[in-house]
Amino acid sequence: MLKGASQFRLLTLLTVVVSTVPIVTAADTNTDFFENRIRPVLAQHCYNCHSQRAKTLQGGLFVDSLDGLFKGGDSGPAIIKGNADESPLISALRHDTFKMPPKGRLADKVIDDFRKWINTGAKIPASFQTNGSVTTATINWESALKHWAYQPLSEALPPVVTTKGWDTNNIDLYVLQKLEENGLSAPPPCRSTDYHSPHFLRPHWPSSHT
């Protein structure tokens, strides 16, 4: 009996342990590869010249986002998904034509990591998809300066209304204008005692207290 109870407890313990182990999918593995092997290299060797933090963006290329890598810079796309050998980034890392990083060639193992990442689909976490991709916008100043906020101050005449004697200032005339446009009449003037009506000041006790 004791042996059976021990086996049951052991089986229960194993079930709990297995249920708490996270399930690692292929997508998680690919993302981990990027986070552990690719992003650190980009951050250490490339961001100073090819990211949002660069003081002067080199070659029009952002490498701190997948969109930036696909869009590329002055020489076109930096990577071609699934084809590392045709990706200019790999050529640049090898120092075949362009030299990235310019201070020295990276180790072959690091370059192989980039080849593997590209050939397996360039999987990334969502945070890297558009992070750092900057699109330059051109401002149409002629149109922008027509905005009311940039117009010189001018005197605006109050509207002409039909109702007379109700208004006490020009703001009332604008209120009256909207009332008349909607077929409404102006309310009677509010008396000062209306603000202190005993109905609003007297506590509303339950009927048992009246």
N, C-alpha and C. Protein backbone atom coordinates (compact mmCIF):
# COMPACT_ATOMS: atom_id res chain seq x y z
N MET A 1 0.83 -1.21 0.00
CA MET A 1 0.00 0.00 0.00
C MET A 1 0.86 1.25 0.00
N LEU A 2 1.92 1.22 0.85
CA LEU A 2 2.83 2.37 0.95
C LEU A 2 3.58 2.57 -0.36
N LYS A 3 3.95 1.43 -0.98
CA LYS A 3 4.67 1.52 -2.25
C LYS A 3 3.79 2.16 -3.32
N GLY A 4 2.52 1.80 -3.37
CA GLY A 4 1.61 2.38 -4.33
C GLY A 4 1.42 3.86 -4.11
N ALA A 5 1.34 4.30 -2.86
CA ALA A 5 1.17 5.72 -2.54
C ALA A 5 2.42 6.50 -2.95
N SER A 6 3.59 5.89 -2.76
CA SER A 6 4.84 6.57 -3.14
C SER A 6 4.92 6.75 -4.64
N GLN A 7 4.51 5.72 -5.37
CA GLN A 7 4.53 5.82 -6.83
C GLN A 7 3.56 6.88 -7.33
N PHE A 8 2.42 6.98 -6.64
CA PHE A 8 1.43 7.99 -7.03
C PHE A 8 1.98 9.40 -6.80
N ARG A 9 2.64 9.58 -5.62
CA ARG A 9 3.22 10.90 -5.33
C ARG A 9 4.32 11.25 -6.33
N LEU A 10 5.14 10.25 -6.70
CA LEU A 10 6.22 10.48 -7.67
C LEU A 10 5.64 10.85 -9.03
N LEU A 11 4.57 10.15 -9.43
CA LEU A 11 3.94 10.45 -10.71
C LEU A 11 3.34 11.84 -10.71
N THR A 12 2.75 12.24 -9.60
CA THR A 12 2.18 13.58 -9.47
C THR A 12 3.25 14.64 -9.55
N LEU A 13 4.39 14.39 -8.88
CA LEU A 13 5.51 15.34 -8.90
C LEU A 13 6.06 15.51 -10.30
N LEU A 14 6.21 14.40 -11.04
CA LEU A 14 6.73 14.47 -12.40
C LEU A 14 5.78 15.23 -13.32
N THR A 15 4.48 15.05 -13.10
CA THR A 15 3.48 15.76 -13.90
C THR A 15 3.59 17.26 -13.69
N VAL A 16 3.77 17.67 -12.43
CA VAL A 16 3.89 19.10 -12.11
C VAL A 16 5.15 19.68 -12.73
N VAL A 17 6.27 18.91 -12.62
CA VAL A 17 7.54 19.41 -13.16
C VAL A 17 7.45 19.58 -14.67
N VAL A 18 6.91 18.58 -15.35
CA VAL A 18 6.81 18.63 -16.81
C VAL A 18 5.91 19.77 -17.25
N SER A 19 4.83 19.99 -16.51
CA SER A 19 3.88 21.05 -16.89
C SER A 19 4.46 22.43 -16.73
N THR A 20 5.49 22.58 -15.88
CA THR A 20 6.10 23.90 -15.66
C THR A 20 7.25 24.19 -16.60
N VAL A 21 7.68 23.19 -17.37
CA VAL A 21 8.78 23.41 -18.33
C VAL A 21 8.23 24.10 -19.57
N PRO A 22 8.77 25.28 -19.94
CA PRO A 22 8.26 25.99 -21.11
C PRO A 22 8.48 25.21 -22.39
N ILE A 23 7.52 25.29 -23.29
CA ILE A 23 7.62 24.62 -24.57
C ILE A 23 8.37 25.52 -25.54
N VAL A 24 9.45 25.03 -26.09
CA VAL A 24 10.28 25.81 -27.00
C VAL A 24 9.90 25.43 -28.43
N THR A 25 9.41 26.39 -29.18
CA THR A 25 9.03 26.14 -30.56
C THR A 25 10.18 26.52 -31.49
N ALA A 26 10.02 26.15 -32.76
CA ALA A 26 11.04 26.50 -33.76
C ALA A 26 11.17 28.00 -33.89
N ALA A 27 10.04 28.71 -33.79
CA ALA A 27 10.07 30.18 -33.89
C ALA A 27 10.86 30.78 -32.75
N ASP A 28 10.68 30.22 -31.52
CA ASP A 28 11.43 30.72 -30.37
C ASP A 28 12.93 30.51 -30.57
N THR A 29 13.29 29.36 -31.11
CA THR A 29 14.70 29.05 -31.33
C THR A 29 15.32 30.02 -32.33
N ASN A 30 14.62 30.31 -33.41
CA ASN A 30 15.13 31.25 -34.40
C ASN A 30 15.28 32.65 -33.83
N THR A 31 14.32 33.05 -33.01
CA THR A 31 14.39 34.36 -32.37
C THR A 31 15.56 34.43 -31.40
N ASP A 32 15.75 33.36 -30.64
CA ASP A 32 16.88 33.31 -29.70
C ASP A 32 18.21 33.41 -30.44
N PHE A 33 18.29 32.76 -31.59
CA PHE A 33 19.52 32.81 -32.37
C PHE A 33 19.82 34.26 -32.76
N PHE A 34 18.79 34.99 -33.18
CA PHE A 34 18.99 36.39 -33.54
C PHE A 34 19.43 37.20 -32.32
N GLU A 35 18.74 37.00 -31.20
CA GLU A 35 19.04 37.79 -30.01
C GLU A 35 20.43 37.49 -29.46
N ASN A 36 20.88 36.25 -29.58
CA ASN A 36 22.17 35.85 -29.02
C ASN A 36 23.35 36.00 -29.96
N ARG A 37 23.09 35.87 -31.27
CA ARG A 37 24.21 35.83 -32.22
C ARG A 37 24.25 37.03 -33.18
N ILE A 38 23.09 37.63 -33.47
CA ILE A 38 23.04 38.67 -34.51
C ILE A 38 22.91 40.07 -33.94
N ARG A 39 21.88 40.30 -33.15
CA ARG A 39 21.65 41.66 -32.64
C ARG A 39 22.85 42.21 -31.86
N PRO A 40 23.48 41.42 -30.97
CA PRO A 40 24.65 41.97 -30.24
C PRO A 40 25.77 42.44 -31.16
N VAL A 41 25.98 41.71 -32.25
CA VAL A 41 27.04 42.10 -33.19
C VAL A 41 26.67 43.40 -33.90
N LEU A 42 25.42 43.50 -34.33
CA LEU A 42 24.97 44.74 -34.98
C LEU A 42 25.10 45.92 -34.03
N ALA A 43 24.69 45.72 -32.78
CA ALA A 43 24.72 46.80 -31.80
C ALA A 43 26.15 47.24 -31.51
N GLN A 44 27.06 46.28 -31.41
CA GLN A 44 28.44 46.60 -31.05
C GLN A 44 29.24 47.20 -32.21
N HIS A 45 29.02 46.68 -33.41
CA HIS A 45 29.90 47.06 -34.53
C HIS A 45 29.25 47.95 -35.58
N CYS A 46 27.92 48.06 -35.60
CA CYS A 46 27.27 48.74 -36.72
C CYS A 46 26.40 49.94 -36.34
N TYR A 47 25.84 49.93 -35.12
CA TYR A 47 24.87 50.96 -34.76
C TYR A 47 25.44 52.38 -34.76
N ASN A 48 26.72 52.53 -34.49
CA ASN A 48 27.29 53.87 -34.44
C ASN A 48 27.22 54.59 -35.78
N CYS A 49 27.13 53.82 -36.86
CA CYS A 49 27.09 54.43 -38.20
C CYS A 49 25.78 54.17 -38.94
N HIS A 50 25.03 53.15 -38.49
CA HIS A 50 23.85 52.74 -39.26
C HIS A 50 22.63 52.51 -38.38
N SER A 51 22.30 53.47 -37.54
CA SER A 51 21.12 53.34 -36.69
C SER A 51 20.61 54.73 -36.33
N GLN A 52 19.54 54.74 -35.57
CA GLN A 52 18.98 56.02 -35.14
C GLN A 52 19.94 56.79 -34.25
N ARG A 53 20.80 56.08 -33.55
CA ARG A 53 21.72 56.77 -32.65
C ARG A 53 22.96 57.31 -33.36
N ALA A 54 23.11 57.01 -34.63
CA ALA A 54 24.26 57.50 -35.38
C ALA A 54 24.20 59.02 -35.52
N LYS A 55 25.29 59.68 -35.25
CA LYS A 55 25.34 61.13 -35.42
C LYS A 55 25.20 61.50 -36.89
N THR A 56 25.84 60.74 -37.74
CA THR A 56 25.71 60.91 -39.19
C THR A 56 25.46 59.54 -39.80
N LEU A 57 24.28 59.35 -40.38
CA LEU A 57 23.94 58.06 -40.98
C LEU A 57 24.81 57.82 -42.20
N GLN A 58 25.48 56.67 -42.22
CA GLN A 58 26.39 56.35 -43.32
C GLN A 58 25.65 55.54 -44.40
N GLY A 59 25.76 55.98 -45.64
CA GLY A 59 25.22 55.23 -46.77
C GLY A 59 23.71 55.11 -46.80
N GLY A 60 23.02 55.88 -45.97
CA GLY A 60 21.57 55.82 -45.93
C GLY A 60 21.03 54.50 -45.42
N LEU A 61 21.86 53.73 -44.71
CA LEU A 61 21.48 52.37 -44.29
C LEU A 61 21.21 52.29 -42.79
N PHE A 62 20.03 51.77 -42.45
CA PHE A 62 19.70 51.45 -41.06
C PHE A 62 19.79 49.93 -40.90
N VAL A 63 20.57 49.49 -39.90
CA VAL A 63 20.64 48.06 -39.62
C VAL A 63 20.02 47.72 -38.28
N ASP A 64 19.34 48.68 -37.65
CA ASP A 64 18.70 48.41 -36.37
C ASP A 64 17.23 48.05 -36.54
N SER A 65 16.85 47.58 -37.71
CA SER A 65 15.51 47.05 -37.94
C SER A 65 15.55 46.16 -39.17
N LEU A 66 14.64 45.20 -39.22
CA LEU A 66 14.58 44.33 -40.38
C LEU A 66 14.12 45.12 -41.60
N ASP A 67 13.17 46.03 -41.40
CA ASP A 67 12.72 46.87 -42.51
C ASP A 67 13.88 47.69 -43.07
N GLY A 68 14.73 48.18 -42.17
CA GLY A 68 15.88 48.95 -42.62
C GLY A 68 16.84 48.12 -43.44
N LEU A 69 17.04 46.86 -43.03
CA LEU A 69 17.94 45.98 -43.77
C LEU A 69 17.35 45.61 -45.14
N PHE A 70 16.04 45.37 -45.18
CA PHE A 70 15.40 45.05 -46.46
C PHE A 70 15.39 46.25 -47.39
N LYS A 71 15.11 47.41 -46.83
CA LYS A 71 15.08 48.63 -47.65
C LYS A 71 16.47 48.98 -48.13
N GLY A 72 17.44 48.80 -47.23
CA GLY A 72 18.82 49.08 -47.60
C GLY A 72 19.15 50.55 -47.62
N GLY A 73 20.27 50.85 -48.24
CA GLY A 73 20.72 52.23 -48.30
C GLY A 73 20.98 52.68 -49.73
N ASP A 74 22.02 53.45 -49.90
CA ASP A 74 22.34 54.00 -51.22
C ASP A 74 22.65 52.92 -52.24
N SER A 75 23.09 51.75 -51.79
CA SER A 75 23.47 50.67 -52.71
C SER A 75 22.40 49.60 -52.84
N GLY A 76 21.21 49.86 -52.28
CA GLY A 76 20.13 48.89 -52.40
C GLY A 76 19.97 48.07 -51.14
N PRO A 77 19.10 47.03 -51.19
CA PRO A 77 18.83 46.19 -50.02
C PRO A 77 20.11 45.59 -49.44
N ALA A 78 20.15 45.48 -48.11
CA ALA A 78 21.34 44.92 -47.47
C ALA A 78 21.27 43.41 -47.38
N ILE A 79 20.06 42.86 -47.23
CA ILE A 79 19.93 41.41 -47.17
C ILE A 79 18.81 40.94 -48.09
N ILE A 80 18.95 39.71 -48.56
CA ILE A 80 17.92 39.04 -49.36
C ILE A 80 17.51 37.80 -48.58
N LYS A 81 16.29 37.79 -48.07
CA LYS A 81 15.85 36.71 -47.20
C LYS A 81 16.03 35.35 -47.90
N GLY A 82 16.68 34.44 -47.18
CA GLY A 82 16.86 33.09 -47.71
C GLY A 82 18.05 32.94 -48.64
N ASN A 83 18.77 34.03 -48.91
CA ASN A 83 19.89 33.96 -49.85
C ASN A 83 21.05 34.80 -49.33
N ALA A 84 21.83 34.21 -48.46
CA ALA A 84 22.94 34.94 -47.86
C ALA A 84 24.02 35.29 -48.87
N ASP A 85 24.29 34.37 -49.81
CA ASP A 85 25.37 34.60 -50.77
C ASP A 85 25.09 35.78 -51.69
N GLU A 86 23.81 36.13 -51.88
CA GLU A 86 23.47 37.28 -52.72
C GLU A 86 23.19 38.53 -51.89
N SER A 87 23.35 38.43 -50.59
CA SER A 87 23.06 39.57 -49.71
C SER A 87 24.30 40.46 -49.57
N PRO A 88 24.19 41.73 -49.96
CA PRO A 88 25.34 42.64 -49.86
C PRO A 88 25.92 42.74 -48.46
N LEU A 89 25.08 42.51 -47.42
CA LEU A 89 25.59 42.59 -46.06
C LEU A 89 26.69 41.56 -45.83
N ILE A 90 26.50 40.35 -46.34
CA ILE A 90 27.51 39.31 -46.17
C ILE A 90 28.80 39.69 -46.90
N SER A 91 28.65 40.24 -48.10
CA SER A 91 29.83 40.68 -48.85
C SER A 91 30.59 41.77 -48.09
N ALA A 92 29.82 42.66 -47.45
CA ALA A 92 30.45 43.74 -46.67
C ALA A 92 31.14 43.19 -45.43
N LEU A 93 30.53 42.22 -44.78
CA LEU A 93 31.16 41.62 -43.60
C LEU A 93 32.44 40.88 -43.97
N ARG A 94 32.46 40.32 -45.16
CA ARG A 94 33.69 39.64 -45.63
C ARG A 94 34.75 40.61 -46.12
N HIS A 95 34.38 41.88 -46.25
CA HIS A 95 35.27 42.92 -46.78
C HIS A 95 35.59 42.66 -48.25
N ASP A 96 34.64 42.09 -48.98
CA ASP A 96 34.85 41.87 -50.41
C ASP A 96 34.83 43.19 -51.17
N THR A 97 33.82 43.98 -50.94
CA THR A 97 33.70 45.29 -51.60
C THR A 97 33.65 46.37 -50.52
N PHE A 98 32.47 46.57 -49.96
CA PHE A 98 32.38 47.45 -48.80
C PHE A 98 33.01 46.75 -47.60
N LYS A 99 33.38 47.54 -46.60
CA LYS A 99 34.01 46.97 -45.42
C LYS A 99 33.20 47.33 -44.18
N MET A 100 32.51 46.33 -43.64
CA MET A 100 31.73 46.49 -42.41
C MET A 100 32.13 45.37 -41.44
N PRO A 101 32.58 45.80 -40.25
CA PRO A 101 32.90 47.17 -39.83
C PRO A 101 34.22 47.61 -40.45
N PRO A 102 34.38 48.91 -40.62
CA PRO A 102 35.58 49.39 -41.33
C PRO A 102 36.87 49.20 -40.56
N LYS A 103 36.78 49.05 -39.22
CA LYS A 103 38.02 48.96 -38.43
C LYS A 103 38.64 47.56 -38.46
N GLY A 104 37.91 46.60 -38.96
CA GLY A 104 38.47 45.25 -39.00
C GLY A 104 37.42 44.20 -39.33
N ARG A 105 37.85 43.16 -40.01
CA ARG A 105 36.94 42.10 -40.43
C ARG A 105 36.53 41.26 -39.23
N LEU A 106 35.26 40.88 -39.16
CA LEU A 106 34.79 40.03 -38.08
C LEU A 106 35.25 38.60 -38.29
N ALA A 107 35.18 37.82 -37.23
CA ALA A 107 35.61 36.43 -37.30
C ALA A 107 34.70 35.65 -38.25
N ASP A 108 35.28 34.62 -38.87
CA ASP A 108 34.51 33.80 -39.81
C ASP A 108 33.28 33.19 -39.15
N LYS A 109 33.40 32.81 -37.87
CA LYS A 109 32.27 32.21 -37.17
C LYS A 109 31.10 33.19 -37.08
N VAL A 110 31.42 34.45 -36.84
CA VAL A 110 30.38 35.47 -36.75
C VAL A 110 29.71 35.66 -38.11
N ILE A 111 30.50 35.70 -39.16
CA ILE A 111 29.94 35.84 -40.52
C ILE A 111 29.08 34.64 -40.87
N ASP A 112 29.52 33.44 -40.45
CA ASP A 112 28.73 32.24 -40.69
C ASP A 112 27.39 32.32 -39.96
N ASP A 113 27.39 32.92 -38.78
CA ASP A 113 26.13 33.11 -38.05
C ASP A 113 25.16 33.98 -38.85
N PHE A 114 25.68 35.03 -39.44
CA PHE A 114 24.84 35.91 -40.26
C PHE A 114 24.33 35.17 -41.49
N ARG A 115 25.18 34.34 -42.11
CA ARG A 115 24.74 33.56 -43.26
C ARG A 115 23.62 32.61 -42.87
N LYS A 116 23.79 31.96 -41.73
CA LYS A 116 22.77 31.02 -41.26
C LYS A 116 21.46 31.74 -40.97
N TRP A 117 21.57 32.90 -40.34
CA TRP A 117 20.37 33.69 -39.99
C TRP A 117 19.60 34.09 -41.25
N ILE A 118 20.30 34.57 -42.25
CA ILE A 118 19.64 34.99 -43.50
C ILE A 118 19.07 33.79 -44.25
N ASN A 119 19.85 32.72 -44.34
CA ASN A 119 19.41 31.55 -45.10
C ASN A 119 18.20 30.85 -44.48
N THR A 120 18.03 31.01 -43.17
CA THR A 120 16.89 30.37 -42.49
C THR A 120 15.70 31.31 -42.37
N GLY A 121 15.72 32.43 -43.10
CA GLY A 121 14.55 33.29 -43.15
C GLY A 121 14.65 34.59 -42.38
N ALA A 122 15.82 34.88 -41.80
CA ALA A 122 16.02 36.15 -41.06
C ALA A 122 14.92 36.37 -40.02
N LYS A 123 14.71 35.36 -39.16
CA LYS A 123 13.69 35.45 -38.12
C LYS A 123 14.11 36.44 -37.04
N ILE A 124 13.15 37.25 -36.61
CA ILE A 124 13.43 38.29 -35.61
C ILE A 124 12.26 38.40 -34.65
N PRO A 125 12.47 39.01 -33.47
CA PRO A 125 11.34 39.34 -32.60
C PRO A 125 10.60 40.54 -33.17
N ALA A 126 9.36 40.72 -32.76
CA ALA A 126 8.55 41.82 -33.30
C ALA A 126 9.17 43.18 -33.02
N SER A 127 9.92 43.29 -31.93
CA SER A 127 10.50 44.59 -31.56
C SER A 127 11.54 45.08 -32.56
N PHE A 128 12.07 44.17 -33.37
CA PHE A 128 13.12 44.56 -34.33
C PHE A 128 12.56 44.83 -35.71
N GLN A 129 11.26 44.59 -35.93
CA GLN A 129 10.69 44.71 -37.26
C GLN A 129 10.84 46.10 -37.84
N THR A 130 10.43 47.12 -37.09
CA THR A 130 10.48 48.49 -37.61
C THR A 130 11.32 49.40 -36.74
N ASN A 131 11.93 48.89 -35.71
CA ASN A 131 12.71 49.71 -34.80
C ASN A 131 13.88 50.36 -35.53
N GLY A 132 13.81 51.70 -35.66
CA GLY A 132 14.92 52.41 -36.29
C GLY A 132 14.71 52.73 -37.75
N SER A 133 13.71 52.15 -38.40
CA SER A 133 13.47 52.51 -39.80
C SER A 133 12.87 53.90 -39.87
N VAL A 134 13.59 54.79 -40.44
CA VAL A 134 13.16 56.18 -40.49
C VAL A 134 12.88 56.57 -41.93
N THR A 135 11.72 57.11 -42.16
CA THR A 135 11.37 57.61 -43.48
C THR A 135 11.41 59.13 -43.46
N THR A 136 12.21 59.69 -44.31
CA THR A 136 12.33 61.14 -44.35
C THR A 136 11.09 61.75 -44.99
N ALA A 137 10.50 62.70 -44.29
CA ALA A 137 9.29 63.37 -44.78
C ALA A 137 9.64 64.76 -45.28
N THR A 138 9.04 65.15 -46.37
CA THR A 138 9.24 66.48 -46.92
C THR A 138 8.06 67.36 -46.54
N ILE A 139 8.34 68.50 -45.94
CA ILE A 139 7.28 69.41 -45.50
C ILE A 139 6.96 70.40 -46.60
N ASN A 140 5.70 70.51 -46.92
CA ASN A 140 5.23 71.51 -47.87
C ASN A 140 5.00 72.80 -47.11
N TRP A 141 6.02 73.66 -47.09
CA TRP A 141 5.94 74.86 -46.26
C TRP A 141 4.89 75.83 -46.77
N GLU A 142 4.68 75.88 -48.05
CA GLU A 142 3.67 76.78 -48.59
C GLU A 142 2.29 76.43 -48.06
N SER A 143 2.00 75.14 -48.01
CA SER A 143 0.72 74.69 -47.48
C SER A 143 0.66 74.81 -45.96
N ALA A 144 1.78 74.49 -45.30
CA ALA A 144 1.81 74.52 -43.84
C ALA A 144 1.59 75.92 -43.28
N LEU A 145 2.15 76.91 -43.97
CA LEU A 145 2.05 78.28 -43.47
C LEU A 145 0.66 78.88 -43.67
N LYS A 146 -0.23 78.14 -44.36
CA LYS A 146 -1.61 78.60 -44.51
C LYS A 146 -2.47 78.21 -43.32
N HIS A 147 -1.91 77.40 -42.42
CA HIS A 147 -2.65 76.99 -41.22
C HIS A 147 -3.02 78.23 -40.41
N TRP A 148 -4.21 78.19 -39.78
CA TRP A 148 -4.70 79.38 -39.07
C TRP A 148 -3.75 79.86 -37.98
N ALA A 149 -2.98 78.92 -37.40
CA ALA A 149 -2.09 79.29 -36.31
C ALA A 149 -0.98 80.24 -36.75
N TYR A 150 -0.70 80.26 -38.05
CA TYR A 150 0.38 81.12 -38.56
C TYR A 150 -0.14 82.39 -39.23
N GLN A 151 -1.43 82.61 -39.16
CA GLN A 151 -1.98 83.79 -39.79
C GLN A 151 -1.89 84.99 -38.84
N PRO A 152 -1.69 86.20 -39.36
CA PRO A 152 -1.62 87.39 -38.50
C PRO A 152 -2.98 87.64 -37.83
N LEU A 153 -2.93 88.24 -36.67
CA LEU A 153 -4.15 88.54 -35.93
C LEU A 153 -4.99 89.57 -36.69
N SER A 154 -6.29 89.38 -36.64
CA SER A 154 -7.20 90.32 -37.29
C SER A 154 -8.45 90.45 -36.43
N GLU A 155 -9.14 91.59 -36.56
CA GLU A 155 -10.35 91.82 -35.77
C GLU A 155 -11.53 91.13 -36.44
N ALA A 156 -12.20 90.27 -35.67
CA ALA A 156 -13.36 89.54 -36.19
C ALA A 156 -14.63 90.19 -35.66
N LEU A 157 -15.53 90.57 -36.57
CA LEU A 157 -16.78 91.18 -36.17
C LEU A 157 -17.74 90.11 -35.68
N PRO A 158 -18.46 90.35 -34.58
CA PRO A 158 -19.41 89.37 -34.06
C PRO A 158 -20.57 89.17 -35.03
N PRO A 159 -21.23 88.04 -35.00
CA PRO A 159 -22.33 87.77 -35.92
C PRO A 159 -23.56 88.66 -35.63
N VAL A 160 -24.35 88.85 -36.67
CA VAL A 160 -25.59 89.61 -36.52
C VAL A 160 -26.71 88.61 -36.21
N VAL A 161 -27.48 88.89 -35.14
CA VAL A 161 -28.55 87.99 -34.72
C VAL A 161 -29.89 88.72 -34.69
N THR A 162 -30.95 87.93 -34.66
CA THR A 162 -32.30 88.50 -34.66
C THR A 162 -32.74 88.90 -33.26
N THR A 163 -32.45 88.04 -32.30
CA THR A 163 -32.83 88.30 -30.92
C THR A 163 -32.06 89.50 -30.38
N LYS A 164 -32.79 90.42 -29.78
CA LYS A 164 -32.16 91.63 -29.24
C LYS A 164 -32.33 91.68 -27.72
N GLY A 165 -31.34 92.23 -27.08
CA GLY A 165 -31.42 92.46 -25.65
C GLY A 165 -31.04 91.29 -24.77
N TRP A 166 -30.82 90.13 -25.36
CA TRP A 166 -30.47 88.97 -24.52
C TRP A 166 -28.97 88.93 -24.22
N ASP A 167 -28.20 89.37 -25.17
CA ASP A 167 -26.75 89.27 -25.02
C ASP A 167 -26.21 90.34 -24.09
N THR A 168 -25.16 89.97 -23.39
CA THR A 168 -24.46 90.92 -22.53
C THR A 168 -23.02 91.15 -22.99
N ASN A 169 -22.57 90.34 -23.94
CA ASN A 169 -21.22 90.51 -24.50
C ASN A 169 -21.17 89.82 -25.85
N ASN A 170 -20.06 89.93 -26.54
CA ASN A 170 -19.94 89.37 -27.88
C ASN A 170 -20.00 87.84 -27.90
N ILE A 171 -19.58 87.20 -26.82
CA ILE A 171 -19.64 85.74 -26.76
C ILE A 171 -21.09 85.28 -26.83
N ASP A 172 -22.00 86.03 -26.16
CA ASP A 172 -23.42 85.68 -26.21
C ASP A 172 -23.94 85.71 -27.65
N LEU A 173 -23.41 86.61 -28.46
CA LEU A 173 -23.88 86.71 -29.84
C LEU A 173 -23.56 85.44 -30.64
N TYR A 174 -22.43 84.83 -30.36
CA TYR A 174 -22.09 83.57 -31.04
C TYR A 174 -23.02 82.44 -30.57
N VAL A 175 -23.37 82.46 -29.28
CA VAL A 175 -24.32 81.47 -28.76
C VAL A 175 -25.67 81.65 -29.43
N LEU A 176 -26.11 82.90 -29.51
CA LEU A 176 -27.41 83.20 -30.15
C LEU A 176 -27.41 82.79 -31.61
N GLN A 177 -26.31 83.00 -32.28
CA GLN A 177 -26.22 82.64 -33.69
C GLN A 177 -26.50 81.15 -33.89
N LYS A 178 -25.89 80.30 -33.06
CA LYS A 178 -26.09 78.86 -33.17
C LYS A 178 -27.52 78.47 -32.79
N LEU A 179 -28.07 79.13 -31.78
CA LEU A 179 -29.45 78.84 -31.38
C LEU A 179 -30.41 79.13 -32.53
N GLU A 180 -30.24 80.29 -33.15
CA GLU A 180 -31.14 80.69 -34.24
C GLU A 180 -30.95 79.81 -35.47
N GLU A 181 -29.71 79.37 -35.73
CA GLU A 181 -29.47 78.49 -36.87
C GLU A 181 -30.20 77.17 -36.71
N ASN A 182 -30.42 76.76 -35.46
CA ASN A 182 -31.08 75.49 -35.18
C ASN A 182 -32.55 75.67 -34.77
N GLY A 183 -33.09 76.88 -35.00
CA GLY A 183 -34.50 77.13 -34.73
C GLY A 183 -34.85 77.16 -33.26
N LEU A 184 -33.88 77.49 -32.43
CA LEU A 184 -34.11 77.53 -30.98
C LEU A 184 -34.15 78.98 -30.51
N SER A 185 -34.89 79.20 -29.45
CA SER A 185 -34.98 80.55 -28.88
C SER A 185 -34.08 80.64 -27.67
N ALA A 186 -33.69 81.84 -27.36
CA ALA A 186 -32.79 82.06 -26.23
C ALA A 186 -33.53 81.80 -24.92
N PRO A 187 -32.90 81.17 -23.95
CA PRO A 187 -33.55 80.93 -22.65
C PRO A 187 -33.69 82.24 -21.88
N PRO A 188 -34.61 82.29 -20.92
CA PRO A 188 -34.76 83.52 -20.12
C PRO A 188 -33.50 83.75 -19.28
N PRO A 189 -33.24 85.00 -18.96
CA PRO A 189 -32.07 85.30 -18.13
C PRO A 189 -32.12 84.54 -16.81
N CYS A 190 -30.97 84.11 -16.36
CA CYS A 190 -30.88 83.36 -15.11
C CYS A 190 -30.81 84.34 -13.94
N ARG A 191 -31.66 84.11 -12.93
CA ARG A 191 -31.64 84.97 -11.75
C ARG A 191 -30.54 84.53 -10.80
N SER A 192 -30.04 85.47 -10.02
CA SER A 192 -28.98 85.13 -9.07
C SER A 192 -29.45 84.12 -8.05
N THR A 193 -30.76 84.15 -7.72
CA THR A 193 -31.26 83.20 -6.72
C THR A 193 -31.31 81.78 -7.26
N ASP A 194 -31.28 81.64 -8.60
CA ASP A 194 -31.31 80.30 -9.17
C ASP A 194 -30.07 79.49 -8.82
N TYR A 195 -28.98 80.20 -8.53
CA TYR A 195 -27.75 79.50 -8.19
C TYR A 195 -27.78 78.96 -6.76
N HIS A 196 -28.71 79.46 -5.92
CA HIS A 196 -28.75 79.08 -4.52
C HIS A 196 -30.13 78.55 -4.14
N SER A 197 -30.75 77.83 -5.04
CA SER A 197 -32.08 77.30 -4.78
C SER A 197 -32.06 76.36 -3.59
N PRO A 198 -32.99 76.52 -2.64
CA PRO A 198 -33.03 75.62 -1.48
C PRO A 198 -33.20 74.16 -1.89
N HIS A 199 -33.73 73.94 -3.11
CA HIS A 199 -33.93 72.57 -3.57
C HIS A 199 -32.60 71.83 -3.71
N PHE A 200 -31.55 72.57 -4.08
CA PHE A 200 -30.24 71.95 -4.28
C PHE A 200 -29.42 71.93 -3.00
N LEU A 201 -29.75 72.82 -2.06
CA LEU A 201 -28.98 72.91 -0.83
C LEU A 201 -29.55 72.03 0.28
N ARG A 202 -30.88 71.78 0.26
CA ARG A 202 -31.51 71.01 1.32
C ARG A 202 -31.18 69.53 1.14
N PRO A 203 -30.71 68.86 2.23
CA PRO A 203 -30.43 67.42 2.12
C PRO A 203 -31.67 66.65 1.75
N HIS A 204 -31.52 65.65 0.88
CA HIS A 204 -32.64 64.83 0.46
C HIS A 204 -32.69 63.60 1.36
N TRP A 205 -33.31 63.78 2.55
CA TRP A 205 -33.40 62.68 3.50
C TRP A 205 -34.45 61.69 3.05
N PRO A 206 -34.31 60.45 3.44
CA PRO A 206 -35.36 59.48 3.17
C PRO A 206 -36.67 59.89 3.83
N SER A 207 -37.78 59.38 3.29
CA SER A 207 -39.12 59.80 3.76
C SER A 207 -39.31 59.60 5.24
N SER A 208 -38.57 58.67 5.85
CA SER A 208 -38.73 58.42 7.29
C SER A 208 -38.22 59.55 8.13
N HIS A 209 -37.39 60.47 7.55
CA HIS A 209 -36.83 61.59 8.29
C HIS A 209 -37.60 62.87 8.06
N THR A 210 -38.63 62.88 7.17
CA THR A 210 -39.36 64.09 6.90
C THR A 210 -40.57 64.21 7.80
